[in-house]
Structures are given as structure tokens and as C-alpha cells.
PDB file of N, CA and C in Angstrom:
ATOM      1  N   MET A   1     103.566  34.214   0.024  1.00  0.00           N
ATOM      2  CA  MET A   1     102.284  34.894   0.146  1.00  0.00           C
ATOM      3  C   MET A   1     102.024  35.793  -1.063  1.00  0.00           C
ATOM      4  N   ILE A   2     103.061  36.481  -1.489  1.00  0.00           N
ATOM      5  CA  ILE A   2     102.919  37.335  -2.678  1.00  0.00           C
ATOM      6  C   ILE A   2     102.593  36.484  -3.900  1.00  0.00           C
ATOM      7  N   GLN A   3     103.229  35.314  -3.996  1.00  0.00           N
ATOM      8  CA  GLN A   3     102.972  34.424  -5.133  1.00  0.00           C
ATOM      9  C   GLN A   3     101.513  33.986  -5.154  1.00  0.00           C
ATOM     10  N   LEU A   4     100.972  33.711  -3.991  1.00  0.00           N
ATOM     11  CA  LEU A   4      99.578  33.304  -3.913  1.00  0.00           C
ATOM     12  C   LEU A   4      98.651  34.423  -4.375  1.00  0.00           C
ATOM     13  N   LEU A   5      98.922  35.633  -3.931  1.00  0.00           N
ATOM     14  CA  LEU A   5      98.095  36.771  -4.340  1.00  0.00           C
ATOM     15  C   LEU A   5      98.184  37.019  -5.842  1.00  0.00           C
ATOM     16  N   ILE A   6      99.396  36.925  -6.382  1.00  0.00           N
ATOM     17  CA  ILE A   6      99.561  37.100  -7.829  1.00  0.00           C
ATOM     18  C   ILE A   6      98.788  36.012  -8.571  1.00  0.00           C
ATOM     19  N   GLY A   7      98.866  34.786  -8.071  1.00  0.00           N
ATOM     20  CA  GLY A   7      98.131  33.683  -8.696  1.00  0.00           C
ATOM     21  C   GLY A   7      96.635  33.888  -8.658  1.00  0.00           C
ATOM     22  N   LEU A   8      96.135  34.400  -7.551  1.00  0.00           N
ATOM     23  CA  LEU A   8      94.702  34.670  -7.462  1.00  0.00           C
ATOM     24  C   LEU A   8      94.277  35.742  -8.454  1.00  0.00           C
ATOM     25  N   VAL A   9      95.093  36.778  -8.589  1.00  0.00           N
ATOM     26  CA  VAL A   9      94.779  37.840  -9.550  1.00  0.00           C
ATOM     27  C   VAL A   9      94.775  37.280 -10.964  1.00  0.00           C
ATOM     28  N   ILE A  10      95.791  36.494 -11.287  1.00  0.00           N
ATOM     29  CA  ILE A  10      95.849  35.891 -12.628  1.00  0.00           C
ATOM     30  C   ILE A  10      94.640  34.983 -12.840  1.00  0.00           C
ATOM     31  N   GLY A  11      94.297  34.214 -11.812  1.00  0.00           N
ATOM     32  CA  GLY A  11      93.149  33.314 -11.931  1.00  0.00           C
ATOM     33  C   GLY A  11      91.844  34.058 -12.145  1.00  0.00           C
ATOM     34  N   ILE A  12      91.688  35.164 -11.451  1.00  0.00           N
ATOM     35  CA  ILE A  12      90.476  35.961 -11.630  1.00  0.00           C
ATOM     36  C   ILE A  12      90.415  36.540 -13.035  1.00  0.00           C
ATOM     37  N   LEU A  13      91.555  37.037 -13.507  1.00  0.00           N
ATOM     38  CA  LEU A  13      91.577  37.628 -14.842  1.00  0.00           C
ATOM     39  C   LEU A  13      91.324  36.592 -15.929  1.00  0.00           C
ATOM     40  N   ILE A  14      91.892  35.425 -15.783  1.00  0.00           N
ATOM     41  CA  ILE A  14      91.747  34.386 -16.811  1.00  0.00           C
ATOM     42  C   ILE A  14      90.402  33.686 -16.682  1.00  0.00           C
ATOM     43  N   GLY A  15      89.960  33.478 -15.470  1.00  0.00           N
ATOM     44  CA  GLY A  15      88.722  32.731 -15.255  1.00  0.00           C
ATOM     45  C   GLY A  15      89.024  31.244 -15.229  1.00  0.00           C
ATOM     46  N   TRP A  16      89.446  30.743 -14.099  1.00  0.00           N
ATOM     47  CA  TRP A  16      89.928  29.368 -13.987  1.00  0.00           C
ATOM     48  C   TRP A  16      88.865  28.344 -14.344  1.00  0.00           C
ATOM     49  N   ASN A  17      87.595  28.670 -14.177  1.00  0.00           N
ATOM     50  CA  ASN A  17      86.531  27.698 -14.439  1.00  0.00           C
ATOM     51  C   ASN A  17      85.906  27.857 -15.821  1.00  0.00           C
ATOM     52  N   TRP A  18      86.403  28.791 -16.589  1.00  0.00           N
ATOM     53  CA  TRP A  18      85.885  28.976 -17.938  1.00  0.00           C
ATOM     54  C   TRP A  18      86.818  28.315 -18.935  1.00  0.00           C
ATOM     55  N   THR A  19      86.388  28.257 -20.170  1.00  0.00           N
ATOM     56  CA  THR A  19      87.248  27.731 -21.225  1.00  0.00           C
ATOM     57  C   THR A  19      88.462  28.634 -21.362  1.00  0.00           C
ATOM     58  N   GLN A  20      89.638  28.013 -21.353  1.00  0.00           N
ATOM     59  CA  GLN A  20      90.870  28.782 -21.362  1.00  0.00           C
ATOM     60  C   GLN A  20      91.589  28.624 -22.691  1.00  0.00           C
ATOM     61  N   PRO A  21      92.180  29.694 -23.183  1.00  0.00           N
ATOM     62  CA  PRO A  21      93.052  29.568 -24.345  1.00  0.00           C
ATOM     63  C   PRO A  21      94.322  28.816 -23.935  1.00  0.00           C
ATOM     64  N   PRO A  22      95.036  28.250 -24.899  1.00  0.00           N
ATOM     65  CA  PRO A  22      96.240  27.467 -24.567  1.00  0.00           C
ATOM     66  C   PRO A  22      97.272  28.244 -23.755  1.00  0.00           C
ATOM     67  N   TRP A  23      97.453  29.540 -24.036  1.00  0.00           N
ATOM     68  CA  TRP A  23      98.450  30.303 -23.285  1.00  0.00           C
ATOM     69  C   TRP A  23      98.044  30.446 -21.822  1.00  0.00           C
ATOM     70  N   ALA A  24      96.747  30.499 -21.568  1.00  0.00           N
ATOM     71  CA  ALA A  24      96.280  30.620 -20.188  1.00  0.00           C
ATOM     72  C   ALA A  24      96.491  29.315 -19.430  1.00  0.00           C
ATOM     73  N   LYS A  25      96.303  28.191 -20.103  1.00  0.00           N
ATOM     74  CA  LYS A  25      96.550  26.903 -19.461  1.00  0.00           C
ATOM     75  C   LYS A  25      98.024  26.742 -19.119  1.00  0.00           C
ATOM     76  N   ARG A  26      98.914  27.185 -20.016  1.00  0.00           N
ATOM     77  CA  ARG A  26     100.352  27.107 -19.743  1.00  0.00           C
ATOM     78  C   ARG A  26     100.716  28.009 -18.569  1.00  0.00           C
ATOM     79  N   LEU A  27     100.135  29.195 -18.536  1.00  0.00           N
ATOM     80  CA  LEU A  27     100.411  30.133 -17.444  1.00  0.00           C
ATOM     81  C   LEU A  27      99.922  29.561 -16.116  1.00  0.00           C
ATOM     82  N   GLN A  28      98.746  28.979 -16.108  1.00  0.00           N
ATOM     83  CA  GLN A  28      98.205  28.383 -14.888  1.00  0.00           C
ATOM     84  C   GLN A  28      99.076  27.216 -14.439  1.00  0.00           C
ATOM     85  N   ALA A  29      99.480  26.362 -15.353  1.00  0.00           N
ATOM     86  CA  ALA A  29     100.316  25.207 -14.995  1.00  0.00           C
ATOM     87  C   ALA A  29     101.657  25.655 -14.436  1.00  0.00           C
ATOM     88  N   SER A  30     102.261  26.679 -15.041  1.00  0.00           N
ATOM     89  CA  SER A  30     103.553  27.138 -14.533  1.00  0.00           C
ATOM     90  C   SER A  30     103.401  27.770 -13.150  1.00  0.00           C
ATOM     91  N   PHE A  31     102.319  28.466 -12.906  1.00  0.00           N
ATOM     92  CA  PHE A  31     102.097  29.050 -11.583  1.00  0.00           C
ATOM     93  C   PHE A  31     101.876  27.967 -10.531  1.00  0.00           C
ATOM     94  N   VAL A  32     101.092  26.955 -10.872  1.00  0.00           N
ATOM     95  CA  VAL A  32     100.843  25.869  -9.927  1.00  0.00           C
ATOM     96  C   VAL A  32     102.147  25.150  -9.606  1.00  0.00           C
ATOM     97  N   ASN A  33     102.985  24.929 -10.604  1.00  0.00           N
ATOM     98  CA  ASN A  33     104.279  24.299 -10.360  1.00  0.00           C
ATOM     99  C   ASN A  33     105.159  25.178  -9.484  1.00  0.00           C
ATOM    100  N   LEU A  34     105.114  26.475  -9.701  1.00  0.00           N
ATOM    101  CA  LEU A  34     105.905  27.402  -8.892  1.00  0.00           C
ATOM    102  C   LEU A  34     105.471  27.348  -7.431  1.00  0.00           C
ATOM    103  N   VAL A  35     104.178  27.346  -7.194  1.00  0.00           N
ATOM    104  CA  VAL A  35     103.667  27.297  -5.829  1.00  0.00           C
ATOM    105  C   VAL A  35     104.022  25.961  -5.183  1.00  0.00           C
ATOM    106  N   ARG A  36     103.900  24.879  -5.935  1.00  0.00           N
ATOM    107  CA  ARG A  36     104.248  23.566  -5.381  1.00  0.00           C
ATOM    108  C   ARG A  36     105.718  23.501  -5.013  1.00  0.00           C
ATOM    109  N   SER A  37     106.573  23.994  -5.883  1.00  0.00           N
ATOM    110  CA  SER A  37     108.016  23.924  -5.603  1.00  0.00           C
ATOM    111  C   SER A  37     108.377  24.805  -4.406  1.00  0.00           C
ATOM    112  N   SER A  38     107.759  25.971  -4.286  1.00  0.00           N
ATOM    113  CA  SER A  38     108.066  26.827  -3.148  1.00  0.00           C
ATOM    114  C   SER A  38     107.493  26.253  -1.855  1.00  0.00           C
ATOM    115  N   SER A  39     106.364  25.585  -1.917  1.00  0.00           N
ATOM    116  CA  SER A  39     105.799  24.975  -0.705  1.00  0.00           C
ATOM    117  C   SER A  39     106.609  23.753  -0.296  1.00  0.00           C
ATOM    118  N   ASP A  40     107.173  23.035  -1.261  1.00  0.00           N
ATOM    119  CA  ASP A  40     108.042  21.908  -0.924  1.00  0.00           C
ATOM    120  C   ASP A  40     109.272  22.371  -0.184  1.00  0.00           C
ATOM    121  N   LYS A  41     109.797  23.523  -0.552  1.00  0.00           N
ATOM    122  CA  LYS A  41     110.995  24.049   0.098  1.00  0.00           C
ATOM    123  C   LYS A  41     110.692  24.460   1.541  1.00  0.00           C
ATOM    124  N   THR A  42     109.518  24.984   1.796  1.00  0.00           N
ATOM    125  CA  THR A  42     109.192  25.438   3.148  1.00  0.00           C
ATOM    126  C   THR A  42     108.810  24.276   4.056  1.00  0.00           C
ATOM    127  N   ASP A  43     108.405  23.145   3.491  1.00  0.00           N
ATOM    128  CA  ASP A  43     108.027  21.987   4.307  1.00  0.00           C
ATOM    129  C   ASP A  43     109.243  21.319   4.956  1.00  0.00           C
ATOM    130  N   HIS A  44     110.397  21.474   4.362  1.00  0.00           N
ATOM    131  CA  HIS A  44     111.584  20.763   4.863  1.00  0.00           C
ATOM    132  C   HIS A  44     112.269  21.555   5.898  1.00  0.00           C
TER     133      HIS A  44
END
């Protein structure tokens, strides 16, 4: 839950629907991977 809130804050600050600098795209991709991996662990 904390990860989701942090991701939302980062998304708001970066602006997920706007043009993103390369570092923002890397940050977004790493966060999405983190959420996916943690959700995979809770599904089992």
C-alpha cells in the first residue's frame, strides 16, 4: 500500500501523461516492475 502511494506521488510530480525525460521513464518503469513483483508475491 505504501508503494502504491509513493508511486502515485511520483506519478503526479512527473506527470505520467506528459512528455517525460529519460530519467522519469526509467523511474516509472522501475516502479511498475516493483509493484508487479510485489503483487506476484502476494498472489501466491
